[in-house]
């Protein structure tokens, strides 16, 4: 269990408990796409820097160790540090707005697999269905829905 507590003026204002299950010595198969073609239209992509987790933590204040260094991510059962989920969603939202020419009013996500720092990430969208997909190589990492109006039904 990893517990985060934030105080302001000596008074607690935020508390979060995250529970992690680290399984040692057991290899699980990676989730891979078994598709004939793409999930949607190509929208764009980005390259994550190796220090992206620390840079995003400076802006967001989220210093969860799974995002910072390899040694700290390994304490939680990950091989490599992973990018913050909100970082991924924000990048996807910005690219969807640029490509679609409209502001995104709402966006939702389901995280399927971690996105390691240093990865090359690509974004695809099914514009008619209001769906997007974040991929690393042939692996689906995030899927979700978006809307340019205020209502959305996501997953």
C-alpha atoms as a PDB file:
ATOM      1  CA  UNK A   1       0.000   0.000   0.000  1.00  0.00           C
ATOM      2  CA  UNK A   2       1.204   3.497  -0.853  1.00  0.00           C
ATOM      3  CA  UNK A   3      -0.321   6.360   1.091  1.00  0.00           C
ATOM      4  CA  UNK A   4      -0.177  10.016   0.070  1.00  0.00           C
ATOM      5  CA  UNK A   5      -1.124  12.778   2.476  1.00  0.00           C
ATOM      6  CA  UNK A   6      -1.097  16.509   1.768  1.00  0.00           C
ATOM      7  CA  UNK A   7      -1.237  19.162   4.456  1.00  0.00           C
ATOM      8  CA  UNK A   8      -1.809  22.889   4.191  1.00  0.00           C
ATOM      9  CA  UNK A   9      -1.051  25.092   7.154  1.00  0.00           C
ATOM     10  CA  UNK A  10      -0.526  21.984   9.274  1.00  0.00           C
ATOM     11  CA  UNK A  11      -4.014  20.646   8.502  1.00  0.00           C
ATOM     12  CA  UNK A  12      -4.643  17.565   6.325  1.00  0.00           C
ATOM     13  CA  UNK A  13      -6.420  18.481   3.068  1.00  0.00           C
ATOM     14  CA  UNK A  14      -5.927  15.362   0.937  1.00  0.00           C
ATOM     15  CA  UNK A  15      -5.359  11.666   1.539  1.00  0.00           C
ATOM     16  CA  UNK A  16      -5.058   8.885  -1.028  1.00  0.00           C
ATOM     17  CA  UNK A  17      -4.388   5.169  -0.592  1.00  0.00           C
ATOM     18  CA  UNK A  18      -3.158   3.168  -3.571  1.00  0.00           C
ATOM     19  CA  UNK A  19      -2.859  -0.586  -3.340  1.00  0.00           C
ATOM     20  CA  UNK A  20      -0.459  -2.436  -5.613  1.00  0.00           C
ATOM     21  CA  UNK A  21      -0.024  -6.133  -6.163  1.00  0.00           C
ATOM     22  CA  UNK A  22       3.503  -7.074  -7.162  1.00  0.00           C
ATOM     23  CA  UNK A  23       3.859 -10.629  -8.403  1.00  0.00           C
ATOM     24  CA  UNK A  24       7.457 -11.779  -8.559  1.00  0.00           C
ATOM     25  CA  UNK A  25       8.788 -14.623 -10.677  1.00  0.00           C
ATOM     26  CA  UNK A  26       5.705 -14.999 -12.844  1.00  0.00           C
ATOM     27  CA  UNK A  27       5.579 -13.777 -16.422  1.00  0.00           C
ATOM     28  CA  UNK A  28       2.274 -12.841 -17.931  1.00  0.00           C
ATOM     29  CA  UNK A  29       1.741 -12.512 -21.681  1.00  0.00           C
ATOM     30  CA  UNK A  30       1.518  -8.945 -22.969  1.00  0.00           C
ATOM     31  CA  UNK A  31      -1.819  -7.780 -24.235  1.00  0.00           C
ATOM     32  CA  UNK A  32      -1.426  -7.377 -27.993  1.00  0.00           C
ATOM     33  CA  UNK A  33      -3.802  -6.265 -30.666  1.00  0.00           C
ATOM     34  CA  UNK A  34      -4.981  -8.997 -32.958  1.00  0.00           C
ATOM     35  CA  UNK A  35      -6.459  -6.819 -35.666  1.00  0.00           C
ATOM     36  CA  UNK A  36      -6.603  -6.577 -39.417  1.00  0.00           C
ATOM     37  CA  UNK A  37      -5.834  -2.886 -39.670  1.00  0.00           C
ATOM     38  CA  UNK A  38      -6.226   0.044 -37.351  1.00  0.00           C
ATOM     39  CA  UNK A  39      -8.720   0.795 -34.608  1.00  0.00           C
ATOM     40  CA  UNK A  40      -9.408   4.215 -36.113  1.00  0.00           C
ATOM     41  CA  UNK A  41      -7.944   7.006 -38.164  1.00  0.00           C
ATOM     42  CA  UNK A  42      -4.374   8.041 -37.340  1.00  0.00           C
ATOM     43  CA  UNK A  43      -4.450  11.274 -35.343  1.00  0.00           C
ATOM     44  CA  UNK A  44      -0.849  11.782 -34.256  1.00  0.00           C
ATOM     45  CA  UNK A  45       1.708  10.713 -31.726  1.00  0.00           C
ATOM     46  CA  UNK A  46       4.433  11.732 -29.341  1.00  0.00           C
ATOM     47  CA  UNK A  47       7.691  10.509 -27.886  1.00  0.00           C
ATOM     48  CA  UNK A  48       7.942  10.301 -24.098  1.00  0.00           C
ATOM     49  CA  UNK A  49      11.218  11.445 -22.605  1.00  0.00           C
ATOM     50  CA  UNK A  50      12.908   9.280 -19.983  1.00  0.00           C
ATOM     51  CA  UNK A  51      12.434  12.055 -17.400  1.00  0.00           C
ATOM     52  CA  UNK A  52       8.830  12.861 -18.395  1.00  0.00           C
ATOM     53  CA  UNK A  53       7.488  11.491 -15.103  1.00  0.00           C
ATOM     54  CA  UNK A  54       9.601  13.853 -13.019  1.00  0.00           C
ATOM     55  CA  UNK A  55       8.845  16.813 -15.297  1.00  0.00           C
ATOM     56  CA  UNK A  56       5.092  16.161 -15.100  1.00  0.00           C
ATOM     57  CA  UNK A  57       5.306  15.702 -11.310  1.00  0.00           C
ATOM     58  CA  UNK A  58       6.824  19.191 -11.015  1.00  0.00           C
ATOM     59  CA  UNK A  59       3.754  20.635 -12.733  1.00  0.00           C
ATOM     60  CA  UNK A  60       1.059  18.379 -11.255  1.00  0.00           C
ATOM     61  CA  UNK A  61       2.419  17.771  -7.763  1.00  0.00           C
ATOM     62  CA  UNK A  62       1.882  14.009  -8.236  1.00  0.00           C
ATOM     63  CA  UNK A  63       5.146  12.463  -7.020  1.00  0.00           C
ATOM     64  CA  UNK A  64       3.968   8.835  -7.088  1.00  0.00           C
ATOM     65  CA  UNK A  65       7.171   6.729  -7.279  1.00  0.00           C
ATOM     66  CA  UNK A  66       5.859   4.625 -10.196  1.00  0.00           C
ATOM     67  CA  UNK A  67       6.370   7.695 -12.411  1.00  0.00           C
ATOM     68  CA  UNK A  68       9.813   8.826 -11.288  1.00  0.00           C
ATOM     69  CA  UNK A  69      12.724   6.384 -11.516  1.00  0.00           C
ATOM     70  CA  UNK A  70      13.268   2.776 -12.500  1.00  0.00           C
ATOM     71  CA  UNK A  71      14.300   1.746  -8.967  1.00  0.00           C
ATOM     72  CA  UNK A  72      11.182   3.284  -7.404  1.00  0.00           C
ATOM     73  CA  UNK A  73       8.852   1.841 -10.047  1.00  0.00           C
ATOM     74  CA  UNK A  74      10.331  -1.616  -9.432  1.00  0.00           C
ATOM     75  CA  UNK A  75       9.301  -1.372  -5.761  1.00  0.00           C
ATOM     76  CA  UNK A  76       5.714  -1.434  -7.037  1.00  0.00           C
ATOM     77  CA  UNK A  77       6.209  -4.354  -9.430  1.00  0.00           C
ATOM     78  CA  UNK A  78       6.848  -2.394 -12.640  1.00  0.00           C
ATOM     79  CA  UNK A  79       9.891  -2.946 -14.837  1.00  0.00           C
ATOM     80  CA  UNK A  80      10.092   0.708 -15.872  1.00  0.00           C
ATOM     81  CA  UNK A  81       8.556   3.960 -14.637  1.00  0.00           C
ATOM     82  CA  UNK A  82       5.294   4.785 -16.376  1.00  0.00           C
ATOM     83  CA  UNK A  83       3.810   8.078 -17.491  1.00  0.00           C
ATOM     84  CA  UNK A  84       1.017   9.645 -15.451  1.00  0.00           C
ATOM     85  CA  UNK A  85      -2.431   8.685 -16.753  1.00  0.00           C
ATOM     86  CA  UNK A  86      -3.564  12.314 -16.787  1.00  0.00           C
ATOM     87  CA  UNK A  87      -0.521  13.209 -18.898  1.00  0.00           C
ATOM     88  CA  UNK A  88      -1.605  10.632 -21.483  1.00  0.00           C
ATOM     89  CA  UNK A  89      -5.225  11.846 -21.487  1.00  0.00           C
ATOM     90  CA  UNK A  90      -4.179  15.495 -21.778  1.00  0.00           C
ATOM     91  CA  UNK A  91      -1.921  14.756 -24.770  1.00  0.00           C
ATOM     92  CA  UNK A  92      -4.677  12.712 -26.420  1.00  0.00           C
ATOM     93  CA  UNK A  93      -7.234  15.470 -25.808  1.00  0.00           C
ATOM     94  CA  UNK A  94      -4.949  18.135 -27.297  1.00  0.00           C
ATOM     95  CA  UNK A  95      -4.305  16.056 -30.423  1.00  0.00           C
ATOM     96  CA  UNK A  96      -8.011  15.245 -30.823  1.00  0.00           C
ATOM     97  CA  UNK A  97      -8.859  18.960 -30.619  1.00  0.00           C
ATOM     98  CA  UNK A  98      -6.179  19.880 -33.156  1.00  0.00           C
ATOM     99  CA  UNK A  99      -7.174  17.145 -35.610  1.00  0.00           C
ATOM    100  CA  UNK A 100     -10.947  17.580 -35.198  1.00  0.00           C
ATOM    101  CA  UNK A 101     -10.962  21.371 -35.121  1.00  0.00           C
ATOM    102  CA  UNK A 102     -13.316  21.445 -32.109  1.00  0.00           C
ATOM    103  CA  UNK A 103     -12.898  21.721 -28.350  1.00  0.00           C
ATOM    104  CA  UNK A 104     -13.380  18.497 -26.424  1.00  0.00           C
ATOM    105  CA  UNK A 105     -16.128  18.996 -23.825  1.00  0.00           C
ATOM    106  CA  UNK A 106     -15.641  15.666 -22.060  1.00  0.00           C
ATOM    107  CA  UNK A 107     -13.258  12.750 -22.207  1.00  0.00           C
ATOM    108  CA  UNK A 108     -13.058   9.422 -20.402  1.00  0.00           C
ATOM    109  CA  UNK A 109     -10.496   6.648 -20.322  1.00  0.00           C
ATOM    110  CA  UNK A 110      -9.922   3.018 -19.481  1.00  0.00           C
ATOM    111  CA  UNK A 111      -6.281   2.186 -18.845  1.00  0.00           C
ATOM    112  CA  UNK A 112      -5.514  -1.197 -20.392  1.00  0.00           C
ATOM    113  CA  UNK A 113      -1.713  -1.322 -20.046  1.00  0.00           C
ATOM    114  CA  UNK A 114       0.983   0.931 -18.590  1.00  0.00           C
ATOM    115  CA  UNK A 115       2.814   3.401 -20.822  1.00  0.00           C
ATOM    116  CA  UNK A 116       6.548   3.241 -19.980  1.00  0.00           C
ATOM    117  CA  UNK A 117       8.630   6.395 -20.067  1.00  0.00           C
ATOM    118  CA  UNK A 118      10.751   6.584 -23.214  1.00  0.00           C
ATOM    119  CA  UNK A 119       7.952   5.053 -25.333  1.00  0.00           C
ATOM    120  CA  UNK A 120       6.772   6.215 -28.715  1.00  0.00           C
ATOM    121  CA  UNK A 121       3.017   6.683 -28.428  1.00  0.00           C
ATOM    122  CA  UNK A 122       0.438   6.975 -31.182  1.00  0.00           C
ATOM    123  CA  UNK A 123      -3.199   8.045 -31.153  1.00  0.00           C
ATOM    124  CA  UNK A 124      -6.040   6.801 -33.331  1.00  0.00           C
ATOM    125  CA  UNK A 125      -9.683   7.882 -33.321  1.00  0.00           C
ATOM    126  CA  UNK A 126     -13.023   6.591 -34.505  1.00  0.00           C
ATOM    127  CA  UNK A 127     -14.551  10.023 -35.056  1.00  0.00           C
ATOM    128  CA  UNK A 128     -18.073   8.801 -35.805  1.00  0.00           C
ATOM    129  CA  UNK A 129     -18.236   6.772 -32.579  1.00  0.00           C
ATOM    130  CA  UNK A 130     -16.411   9.368 -30.468  1.00  0.00           C
ATOM    131  CA  UNK A 131     -13.742   6.835 -29.447  1.00  0.00           C
ATOM    132  CA  UNK A 132      -9.953   7.122 -29.198  1.00  0.00           C
ATOM    133  CA  UNK A 133      -7.120   4.635 -28.732  1.00  0.00           C
ATOM    134  CA  UNK A 134      -3.616   5.183 -27.365  1.00  0.00           C
ATOM    135  CA  UNK A 135      -1.133   2.607 -28.632  1.00  0.00           C
ATOM    136  CA  UNK A 136       2.484   1.667 -28.059  1.00  0.00           C
ATOM    137  CA  UNK A 137       3.768  -0.387 -30.996  1.00  0.00           C
ATOM    138  CA  UNK A 138       1.093  -3.050 -31.437  1.00  0.00           C
ATOM    139  CA  UNK A 139      -0.179  -2.787 -27.855  1.00  0.00           C
ATOM    140  CA  UNK A 140      -3.340  -1.002 -26.769  1.00  0.00           C
ATOM    141  CA  UNK A 141      -2.600   1.089 -23.670  1.00  0.00           C
ATOM    142  CA  UNK A 142      -5.666   3.346 -23.277  1.00  0.00           C
ATOM    143  CA  UNK A 143      -9.099   3.438 -24.833  1.00  0.00           C
ATOM    144  CA  UNK A 144     -11.849   5.895 -24.218  1.00  0.00           C
ATOM    145  CA  UNK A 145     -14.581   8.139 -25.459  1.00  0.00           C
ATOM    146  CA  UNK A 146     -14.801  11.838 -26.131  1.00  0.00           C
ATOM    147  CA  UNK A 147     -17.459  14.349 -26.997  1.00  0.00           C
ATOM    148  CA  UNK A 148     -17.548  17.911 -28.282  1.00  0.00           C
ATOM    149  CA  UNK A 149     -20.850  18.483 -26.460  1.00  0.00           C
ATOM    150  CA  UNK A 150     -21.385  18.361 -22.710  1.00  0.00           C
ATOM    151  CA  UNK A 151     -22.864  14.836 -22.566  1.00  0.00           C
ATOM    152  CA  UNK A 152     -20.861  11.663 -23.007  1.00  0.00           C
ATOM    153  CA  UNK A 153     -21.326   8.012 -22.201  1.00  0.00           C
ATOM    154  CA  UNK A 154     -17.877   6.537 -21.680  1.00  0.00           C
ATOM    155  CA  UNK A 155     -17.305   2.846 -21.120  1.00  0.00           C
END
